[in-house]
N, C-alpha and C. Protein backbone atom coordinates (compact mmCIF):
# COMPACT_ATOMS: atom_id res chain seq x y z
N MET A 1 7.26 -3.34 14.52
CA MET A 1 7.14 -1.90 14.52
C MET A 1 7.41 -1.40 13.11
N LEU A 2 6.51 -0.57 12.62
CA LEU A 2 6.64 0.04 11.29
C LEU A 2 6.64 1.55 11.43
N THR A 3 7.27 2.22 10.48
CA THR A 3 7.20 3.67 10.43
C THR A 3 6.22 4.06 9.34
N LEU A 4 5.19 4.78 9.72
CA LEU A 4 4.20 5.26 8.77
C LEU A 4 4.44 6.75 8.58
N CYS A 5 4.49 7.16 7.32
CA CYS A 5 4.70 8.59 7.06
C CYS A 5 3.50 9.20 6.35
N TYR A 6 3.39 10.52 6.47
CA TYR A 6 2.27 11.25 5.91
C TYR A 6 2.65 12.72 5.77
N HIS A 7 1.74 13.52 5.34
CA HIS A 7 1.87 14.98 5.18
C HIS A 7 2.67 15.34 3.93
N TYR A 8 2.63 14.50 2.92
CA TYR A 8 3.27 14.68 1.61
C TYR A 8 4.80 14.59 1.71
N GLY A 9 5.33 13.69 0.94
CA GLY A 9 6.78 13.52 0.88
C GLY A 9 7.37 12.98 2.16
N CYS A 10 6.58 12.27 2.94
CA CYS A 10 7.03 11.73 4.23
C CYS A 10 7.56 12.83 5.15
N ASP A 11 6.90 14.00 5.10
CA ASP A 11 7.30 15.12 5.93
C ASP A 11 7.15 14.81 7.42
N ARG A 12 6.16 14.00 7.77
CA ARG A 12 5.96 13.59 9.15
C ARG A 12 5.88 12.08 9.20
N SER A 13 6.34 11.52 10.30
CA SER A 13 6.28 10.07 10.43
C SER A 13 6.11 9.69 11.89
N SER A 14 5.66 8.48 12.08
CA SER A 14 5.45 7.98 13.43
C SER A 14 5.58 6.46 13.41
N ALA A 15 6.07 5.93 14.51
CA ALA A 15 6.17 4.47 14.64
C ALA A 15 4.79 3.90 14.93
N ILE A 16 4.46 2.84 14.25
CA ILE A 16 3.21 2.12 14.47
C ILE A 16 3.59 0.76 15.05
N ASP A 17 3.16 0.53 16.27
CA ASP A 17 3.43 -0.73 16.94
C ASP A 17 2.27 -1.68 16.68
N LEU A 18 2.48 -2.63 15.82
CA LEU A 18 1.43 -3.59 15.51
C LEU A 18 1.35 -4.61 16.64
N GLN A 19 0.21 -4.68 17.24
CA GLN A 19 -0.01 -5.61 18.34
C GLN A 19 -0.07 -7.05 17.80
N PRO A 20 0.24 -8.03 18.64
CA PRO A 20 0.21 -9.42 18.18
C PRO A 20 -1.11 -9.83 17.54
N ASP A 21 -2.24 -9.33 18.06
CA ASP A 21 -3.52 -9.72 17.48
C ASP A 21 -3.67 -9.22 16.05
N ALA A 22 -3.09 -8.07 15.74
CA ALA A 22 -3.13 -7.57 14.36
C ALA A 22 -2.31 -8.47 13.44
N LEU A 23 -1.12 -8.84 13.90
CA LEU A 23 -0.27 -9.72 13.09
C LEU A 23 -0.92 -11.09 12.91
N ILE A 24 -1.58 -11.57 13.93
CA ILE A 24 -2.28 -12.85 13.82
C ILE A 24 -3.40 -12.74 12.78
N TRP A 25 -4.15 -11.63 12.82
CA TRP A 25 -5.22 -11.45 11.83
C TRP A 25 -4.64 -11.35 10.43
N PHE A 26 -3.53 -10.61 10.26
CA PHE A 26 -2.89 -10.50 8.94
C PHE A 26 -2.53 -11.90 8.44
N GLU A 27 -1.91 -12.70 9.32
CA GLU A 27 -1.51 -14.05 8.93
C GLU A 27 -2.72 -14.91 8.57
N GLN A 28 -3.75 -14.85 9.38
CA GLN A 28 -4.95 -15.65 9.10
C GLN A 28 -5.57 -15.25 7.77
N ARG A 29 -5.64 -13.96 7.52
CA ARG A 29 -6.25 -13.50 6.26
C ARG A 29 -5.42 -13.95 5.07
N LEU A 30 -4.11 -13.85 5.17
CA LEU A 30 -3.24 -14.25 4.05
C LEU A 30 -3.24 -15.76 3.85
N ARG A 31 -3.36 -16.51 4.93
CA ARG A 31 -3.39 -17.98 4.82
C ARG A 31 -4.66 -18.49 4.14
N GLN A 32 -5.68 -17.66 4.05
CA GLN A 32 -6.91 -18.05 3.36
C GLN A 32 -6.72 -18.09 1.85
N ALA A 33 -5.66 -17.48 1.37
CA ALA A 33 -5.42 -17.41 -0.08
C ALA A 33 -4.94 -18.75 -0.61
N ASP A 34 -5.60 -19.20 -1.69
CA ASP A 34 -5.22 -20.46 -2.33
C ASP A 34 -4.45 -20.26 -3.63
N ASN A 35 -4.31 -19.01 -4.04
CA ASN A 35 -3.59 -18.70 -5.28
C ASN A 35 -3.18 -17.23 -5.25
N ALA A 36 -2.49 -16.81 -6.29
CA ALA A 36 -1.96 -15.45 -6.33
C ALA A 36 -3.06 -14.40 -6.34
N ALA A 37 -4.13 -14.64 -7.08
CA ALA A 37 -5.23 -13.66 -7.12
C ALA A 37 -5.87 -13.52 -5.74
N ASP A 38 -6.06 -14.63 -5.06
CA ASP A 38 -6.61 -14.59 -3.70
C ASP A 38 -5.67 -13.83 -2.76
N GLU A 39 -4.37 -14.04 -2.93
CA GLU A 39 -3.41 -13.37 -2.07
C GLU A 39 -3.43 -11.86 -2.30
N ARG A 40 -3.56 -11.43 -3.55
CA ARG A 40 -3.66 -9.99 -3.82
C ARG A 40 -4.90 -9.41 -3.16
N ALA A 41 -6.01 -10.12 -3.20
CA ALA A 41 -7.23 -9.65 -2.53
C ALA A 41 -7.02 -9.60 -1.01
N ALA A 42 -6.36 -10.60 -0.47
CA ALA A 42 -6.07 -10.62 0.97
C ALA A 42 -5.16 -9.45 1.34
N LEU A 43 -4.19 -9.16 0.50
CA LEU A 43 -3.30 -8.03 0.77
C LEU A 43 -4.05 -6.70 0.77
N GLN A 44 -5.04 -6.58 -0.08
CA GLN A 44 -5.87 -5.36 -0.05
C GLN A 44 -6.53 -5.23 1.32
N ASP A 45 -7.04 -6.32 1.86
CA ASP A 45 -7.68 -6.30 3.18
C ASP A 45 -6.67 -5.97 4.28
N VAL A 46 -5.48 -6.54 4.17
CA VAL A 46 -4.43 -6.31 5.17
C VAL A 46 -4.00 -4.84 5.15
N VAL A 47 -3.81 -4.28 3.98
CA VAL A 47 -3.43 -2.86 3.88
C VAL A 47 -4.52 -2.00 4.49
N LEU A 48 -5.74 -2.27 4.16
CA LEU A 48 -6.87 -1.51 4.71
C LEU A 48 -6.87 -1.60 6.24
N ALA A 49 -6.68 -2.78 6.79
CA ALA A 49 -6.65 -2.96 8.24
C ALA A 49 -5.46 -2.21 8.85
N TYR A 50 -4.31 -2.24 8.19
CA TYR A 50 -3.13 -1.53 8.70
C TYR A 50 -3.40 -0.04 8.79
N TYR A 51 -3.96 0.54 7.75
CA TYR A 51 -4.27 1.96 7.78
C TYR A 51 -5.32 2.28 8.85
N GLN A 52 -6.28 1.39 9.07
CA GLN A 52 -7.27 1.60 10.13
C GLN A 52 -6.60 1.61 11.51
N ILE A 53 -5.65 0.72 11.71
CA ILE A 53 -4.90 0.69 12.97
C ILE A 53 -4.12 1.99 13.14
N ALA A 54 -3.42 2.40 12.10
CA ALA A 54 -2.61 3.62 12.17
C ALA A 54 -3.48 4.85 12.43
N ALA A 55 -4.68 4.87 11.88
CA ALA A 55 -5.57 6.02 12.03
C ALA A 55 -6.06 6.19 13.48
N GLN A 56 -5.86 5.19 14.29
CA GLN A 56 -6.24 5.32 15.70
C GLN A 56 -5.30 6.26 16.45
N VAL A 57 -4.08 6.45 15.92
CA VAL A 57 -3.10 7.32 16.59
C VAL A 57 -2.59 8.46 15.71
N LEU A 58 -2.88 8.42 14.42
CA LEU A 58 -2.43 9.45 13.48
C LEU A 58 -3.62 10.04 12.73
N PRO A 59 -3.51 11.25 12.22
CA PRO A 59 -4.65 11.90 11.55
C PRO A 59 -4.86 11.47 10.10
N ILE A 60 -4.42 10.29 9.72
CA ILE A 60 -4.47 9.89 8.31
C ILE A 60 -5.86 9.59 7.79
N ALA A 61 -6.85 9.48 8.66
CA ALA A 61 -8.23 9.23 8.20
C ALA A 61 -8.74 10.40 7.36
N GLU A 62 -8.06 11.54 7.41
CA GLU A 62 -8.42 12.70 6.60
C GLU A 62 -7.95 12.56 5.16
N ASP A 63 -7.08 11.60 4.88
CA ASP A 63 -6.51 11.46 3.54
C ASP A 63 -7.59 11.20 2.50
N GLN A 64 -7.51 11.92 1.41
CA GLN A 64 -8.43 11.76 0.29
C GLN A 64 -7.64 11.25 -0.91
N GLY A 65 -8.31 10.56 -1.80
CA GLY A 65 -7.65 10.04 -2.99
C GLY A 65 -7.00 11.15 -3.80
N GLY A 66 -5.83 10.87 -4.37
CA GLY A 66 -5.10 11.88 -5.13
C GLY A 66 -4.52 12.94 -4.22
N ASN A 67 -4.19 14.09 -4.80
CA ASN A 67 -3.59 15.17 -4.02
C ASN A 67 -4.42 16.44 -4.01
N GLN A 68 -5.58 16.44 -4.61
CA GLN A 68 -6.32 17.68 -4.76
C GLN A 68 -7.25 17.98 -3.59
N GLU A 69 -7.98 16.99 -3.10
CA GLU A 69 -9.04 17.24 -2.13
C GLU A 69 -8.57 17.40 -0.69
N ASP A 70 -7.32 17.04 -0.40
CA ASP A 70 -6.87 17.09 0.99
C ASP A 70 -5.62 17.94 1.19
N ALA A 71 -5.35 18.83 0.27
CA ALA A 71 -4.10 19.60 0.29
C ALA A 71 -3.87 20.36 1.60
N ARG A 72 -4.92 20.69 2.32
CA ARG A 72 -4.76 21.45 3.57
C ARG A 72 -4.91 20.58 4.82
N MET A 73 -5.14 19.30 4.66
CA MET A 73 -5.37 18.41 5.80
C MET A 73 -4.05 17.93 6.40
N LEU A 74 -4.01 17.81 7.69
CA LEU A 74 -2.81 17.37 8.38
C LEU A 74 -2.42 15.94 8.02
N GLY A 75 -3.40 15.06 7.88
CA GLY A 75 -3.11 13.65 7.64
C GLY A 75 -2.99 13.25 6.18
N ARG A 76 -2.85 14.22 5.30
CA ARG A 76 -2.80 13.93 3.86
C ARG A 76 -1.59 13.06 3.52
N MET A 77 -1.76 12.29 2.46
CA MET A 77 -0.67 11.45 1.98
C MET A 77 -0.60 11.54 0.46
N ASP A 78 0.61 11.71 -0.03
CA ASP A 78 0.82 11.67 -1.48
C ASP A 78 1.32 10.27 -1.84
N CYS A 79 1.66 10.10 -3.12
CA CYS A 79 2.07 8.76 -3.56
C CYS A 79 3.38 8.32 -2.91
N LEU A 80 4.25 9.25 -2.55
CA LEU A 80 5.49 8.88 -1.87
C LEU A 80 5.19 8.32 -0.48
N ASP A 81 4.27 8.97 0.23
CA ASP A 81 3.88 8.46 1.55
C ASP A 81 3.27 7.06 1.43
N HIS A 82 2.31 6.92 0.52
CA HIS A 82 1.65 5.62 0.35
C HIS A 82 2.65 4.54 -0.05
N THR A 83 3.57 4.86 -0.94
CA THR A 83 4.56 3.89 -1.38
C THR A 83 5.44 3.46 -0.21
N HIS A 84 5.92 4.42 0.56
CA HIS A 84 6.74 4.11 1.74
C HIS A 84 5.97 3.21 2.70
N ASN A 85 4.72 3.57 2.97
CA ASN A 85 3.93 2.82 3.95
C ASN A 85 3.62 1.40 3.49
N LEU A 86 3.23 1.25 2.23
CA LEU A 86 2.92 -0.09 1.73
C LEU A 86 4.18 -0.94 1.62
N HIS A 87 5.27 -0.33 1.17
CA HIS A 87 6.52 -1.08 1.05
C HIS A 87 6.94 -1.63 2.42
N GLY A 88 6.86 -0.79 3.44
CA GLY A 88 7.23 -1.23 4.79
C GLY A 88 6.36 -2.37 5.28
N LEU A 89 5.06 -2.25 5.06
CA LEU A 89 4.13 -3.31 5.49
C LEU A 89 4.39 -4.60 4.73
N LEU A 90 4.53 -4.51 3.41
CA LEU A 90 4.76 -5.71 2.61
C LEU A 90 6.11 -6.35 2.94
N ALA A 91 7.11 -5.54 3.23
CA ALA A 91 8.41 -6.08 3.63
C ALA A 91 8.29 -6.83 4.96
N LEU A 92 7.50 -6.29 5.88
CA LEU A 92 7.26 -6.98 7.15
C LEU A 92 6.58 -8.32 6.91
N LEU A 93 5.54 -8.32 6.09
CA LEU A 93 4.83 -9.57 5.79
C LEU A 93 5.75 -10.58 5.13
N GLN A 94 6.57 -10.11 4.19
CA GLN A 94 7.51 -11.00 3.51
C GLN A 94 8.54 -11.52 4.50
N GLY A 95 9.02 -10.66 5.39
CA GLY A 95 9.99 -11.08 6.40
C GLY A 95 9.45 -12.15 7.34
N HIS A 96 8.15 -12.13 7.57
CA HIS A 96 7.49 -13.15 8.40
C HIS A 96 7.03 -14.35 7.56
N GLN A 97 7.44 -14.37 6.30
CA GLN A 97 7.12 -15.44 5.36
C GLN A 97 5.61 -15.66 5.22
N LEU A 98 4.88 -14.54 5.19
CA LEU A 98 3.43 -14.62 5.04
C LEU A 98 2.99 -14.48 3.59
N LEU A 99 3.90 -14.09 2.71
CA LEU A 99 3.57 -14.02 1.28
C LEU A 99 3.97 -15.35 0.65
N ARG A 100 2.99 -16.08 0.15
CA ARG A 100 3.27 -17.39 -0.45
C ARG A 100 3.29 -17.34 -1.97
N TYR A 101 2.59 -16.37 -2.56
CA TYR A 101 2.45 -16.33 -4.02
C TYR A 101 3.08 -15.10 -4.66
N HIS A 102 3.65 -14.23 -3.84
CA HIS A 102 4.27 -13.00 -4.35
C HIS A 102 5.55 -12.71 -3.58
N GLN A 103 6.38 -11.90 -4.21
CA GLN A 103 7.51 -11.33 -3.50
C GLN A 103 7.55 -9.84 -3.80
N LEU A 104 7.97 -9.10 -2.81
CA LEU A 104 8.07 -7.66 -2.97
C LEU A 104 9.10 -7.34 -4.03
N SER A 105 8.75 -6.45 -4.93
CA SER A 105 9.63 -6.05 -6.01
C SER A 105 10.08 -4.61 -5.74
N ALA A 106 10.94 -4.10 -6.60
CA ALA A 106 11.36 -2.70 -6.47
C ALA A 106 10.15 -1.79 -6.68
N ASP A 107 10.10 -0.68 -5.95
CA ASP A 107 9.02 0.28 -6.16
C ASP A 107 9.06 0.76 -7.60
N VAL A 108 7.90 1.17 -8.11
CA VAL A 108 7.80 1.57 -9.51
C VAL A 108 7.49 3.06 -9.62
N PHE A 109 7.80 3.60 -10.78
CA PHE A 109 7.66 5.03 -11.04
C PHE A 109 7.14 5.21 -12.46
N ARG A 110 6.29 6.21 -12.64
CA ARG A 110 5.84 6.56 -13.98
C ARG A 110 5.73 8.08 -14.06
N ALA A 111 5.87 8.57 -15.26
CA ALA A 111 5.73 10.01 -15.51
C ALA A 111 5.11 10.19 -16.89
N PRO A 112 3.79 9.91 -17.02
CA PRO A 112 3.15 10.03 -18.33
C PRO A 112 3.19 11.47 -18.86
N LEU A 113 3.19 12.41 -17.96
CA LEU A 113 3.38 13.81 -18.30
C LEU A 113 4.49 14.32 -17.39
N LEU A 114 5.24 15.28 -17.82
CA LEU A 114 6.38 15.73 -17.03
C LEU A 114 5.99 16.14 -15.61
N PHE A 115 4.83 16.70 -15.42
CA PHE A 115 4.40 17.17 -14.10
C PHE A 115 3.55 16.15 -13.36
N ASN A 116 3.41 14.97 -13.89
CA ASN A 116 2.49 13.99 -13.34
C ASN A 116 3.22 12.72 -12.88
N ALA A 117 4.34 12.88 -12.21
CA ALA A 117 5.12 11.74 -11.74
C ALA A 117 4.34 11.01 -10.65
N HIS A 118 4.50 9.68 -10.62
CA HIS A 118 3.75 8.88 -9.65
C HIS A 118 4.57 7.65 -9.26
N HIS A 119 4.49 7.28 -7.99
CA HIS A 119 5.21 6.14 -7.44
C HIS A 119 4.21 5.15 -6.84
N ALA A 120 4.59 3.89 -6.79
CA ALA A 120 3.76 2.86 -6.16
C ALA A 120 4.64 1.64 -5.84
N VAL A 121 4.01 0.67 -5.20
CA VAL A 121 4.68 -0.56 -4.79
C VAL A 121 4.41 -1.65 -5.82
N ALA A 122 5.38 -2.51 -6.03
CA ALA A 122 5.21 -3.61 -6.98
C ALA A 122 5.44 -4.94 -6.28
N LEU A 123 4.66 -5.92 -6.72
CA LEU A 123 4.77 -7.30 -6.26
C LEU A 123 4.92 -8.20 -7.48
N GLN A 124 5.78 -9.19 -7.36
CA GLN A 124 5.94 -10.14 -8.46
C GLN A 124 5.27 -11.46 -8.09
N ASP A 125 4.42 -11.93 -8.98
CA ASP A 125 3.78 -13.24 -8.83
C ASP A 125 4.89 -14.28 -8.97
N THR A 126 5.10 -15.10 -7.95
CA THR A 126 6.22 -16.03 -7.96
C THR A 126 6.05 -17.18 -8.95
N ASP A 127 4.82 -17.47 -9.36
CA ASP A 127 4.61 -18.53 -10.34
C ASP A 127 4.72 -18.01 -11.78
N SER A 128 3.99 -16.96 -12.09
CA SER A 128 3.95 -16.45 -13.47
C SER A 128 5.05 -15.44 -13.78
N GLY A 129 5.59 -14.82 -12.74
CA GLY A 129 6.59 -13.76 -12.95
C GLY A 129 5.97 -12.40 -13.23
N GLN A 130 4.65 -12.34 -13.36
CA GLN A 130 3.99 -11.07 -13.67
C GLN A 130 4.15 -10.10 -12.51
N ILE A 131 4.38 -8.83 -12.86
CA ILE A 131 4.50 -7.77 -11.87
C ILE A 131 3.14 -7.08 -11.71
N TRP A 132 2.74 -6.91 -10.47
CA TRP A 132 1.49 -6.25 -10.11
C TRP A 132 1.82 -5.00 -9.31
N VAL A 133 1.05 -3.96 -9.49
CA VAL A 133 1.23 -2.72 -8.75
C VAL A 133 0.11 -2.60 -7.73
N MET A 134 0.50 -2.30 -6.50
CA MET A 134 -0.46 -2.02 -5.43
C MET A 134 -0.35 -0.54 -5.13
N ASP A 135 -1.48 0.17 -5.26
CA ASP A 135 -1.46 1.62 -5.17
C ASP A 135 -2.64 2.12 -4.33
N SER A 136 -2.35 2.63 -3.14
CA SER A 136 -3.41 3.11 -2.25
C SER A 136 -3.63 4.61 -2.35
N TRP A 137 -2.91 5.28 -3.24
CA TRP A 137 -3.00 6.73 -3.39
C TRP A 137 -4.30 7.19 -4.06
N PHE A 138 -4.84 6.40 -4.95
CA PHE A 138 -5.98 6.83 -5.76
C PHE A 138 -7.26 7.06 -4.97
N ARG A 139 -7.45 6.31 -3.92
CA ARG A 139 -8.75 6.28 -3.24
C ARG A 139 -8.70 6.96 -1.88
N HIS A 140 -9.89 7.37 -1.41
CA HIS A 140 -10.03 7.97 -0.09
C HIS A 140 -9.71 6.95 0.99
N PHE A 141 -9.34 7.48 2.15
CA PHE A 141 -9.09 6.63 3.32
C PHE A 141 -10.29 5.71 3.54
N GLY A 142 -10.00 4.46 3.85
CA GLY A 142 -11.06 3.49 4.11
C GLY A 142 -11.40 2.62 2.92
N ALA A 143 -10.81 2.92 1.78
CA ALA A 143 -11.01 2.09 0.59
C ALA A 143 -9.76 1.25 0.36
N PRO A 144 -9.92 0.04 -0.15
CA PRO A 144 -8.74 -0.80 -0.39
C PRO A 144 -7.89 -0.24 -1.52
N PRO A 145 -6.61 -0.55 -1.52
CA PRO A 145 -5.76 -0.10 -2.62
C PRO A 145 -6.13 -0.81 -3.92
N VAL A 146 -5.83 -0.16 -5.02
CA VAL A 146 -6.02 -0.83 -6.30
C VAL A 146 -4.82 -1.73 -6.56
N VAL A 147 -5.07 -2.81 -7.27
CA VAL A 147 -4.00 -3.74 -7.66
C VAL A 147 -4.21 -4.03 -9.14
N VAL A 148 -3.23 -3.63 -9.95
CA VAL A 148 -3.34 -3.79 -11.40
C VAL A 148 -2.00 -4.26 -11.96
N PRO A 149 -2.02 -4.86 -13.15
CA PRO A 149 -0.76 -5.25 -13.79
C PRO A 149 0.13 -4.02 -14.04
N LEU A 150 1.42 -4.22 -13.92
CA LEU A 150 2.37 -3.12 -14.10
C LEU A 150 2.18 -2.43 -15.45
N ALA A 151 2.00 -3.19 -16.52
CA ALA A 151 1.88 -2.58 -17.85
C ALA A 151 0.70 -1.62 -17.91
N LEU A 152 -0.42 -2.00 -17.31
CA LEU A 152 -1.60 -1.13 -17.29
C LEU A 152 -1.32 0.12 -16.45
N TRP A 153 -0.71 -0.06 -15.30
CA TRP A 153 -0.38 1.07 -14.42
C TRP A 153 0.56 2.04 -15.12
N LYS A 154 1.57 1.49 -15.81
CA LYS A 154 2.55 2.33 -16.51
C LYS A 154 1.90 3.18 -17.61
N GLU A 155 0.80 2.69 -18.18
CA GLU A 155 0.09 3.43 -19.22
C GLU A 155 -0.66 4.64 -18.69
N GLY A 156 -0.68 4.79 -17.36
CA GLY A 156 -1.38 5.92 -16.77
C GLY A 156 -2.68 5.55 -16.10
N PHE A 157 -2.84 4.27 -15.77
CA PHE A 157 -4.07 3.79 -15.14
C PHE A 157 -4.50 4.70 -13.99
N SER A 158 -5.78 4.95 -13.94
CA SER A 158 -6.43 5.65 -12.85
C SER A 158 -7.85 5.12 -12.73
N PRO A 159 -8.25 4.65 -11.56
CA PRO A 159 -9.59 4.07 -11.45
C PRO A 159 -10.70 5.11 -11.61
C-alpha cells in the first residue's frame, strides 16, 4: 500500500493498494535489466505503470507537465507531489529488493532562481556511485519520467 498525493503540495492524498499482479509485473520488468542503464529505463516503465494504476481511482490523469497548464485541475501535481509519489514507490521497490543496480538516495532540491525552486527523487548507481535524478514533473500524464545525471539537473535541466 502506497500513499499517492496530488493537488499541489500534497494537499490531497489517497492510499493506492497495489494488487499482486502489479507487483509481479514491476518485478518482471526490473528483472529484465542487465545493467544500471537498463534498470533506469525499467524504472521509467514502472513509474508510468504506477501512475496509470493510480489514475483508475484518482483524477491525476489531468496532470500536465510543469505547473502552468493544469493550475485549475483537481488532479494536478507539482514537484512536491511527484517527489513524494516517486520516493514512496522507489522505497517500496527497494524494500522488496527489486533494485539491483541503484539505491534510493536523499531527495534533491534546486533553486536556479529564487522563485524557481524544484524538488525531485535521486538514485545512486551502486557500481559507479553516480547520482541520477528521476523527475516526473516535467511531462504530461502518460509520459515516462525523465532520468538525468544530478549535475545536469542541478544546472536547471528542463526537457
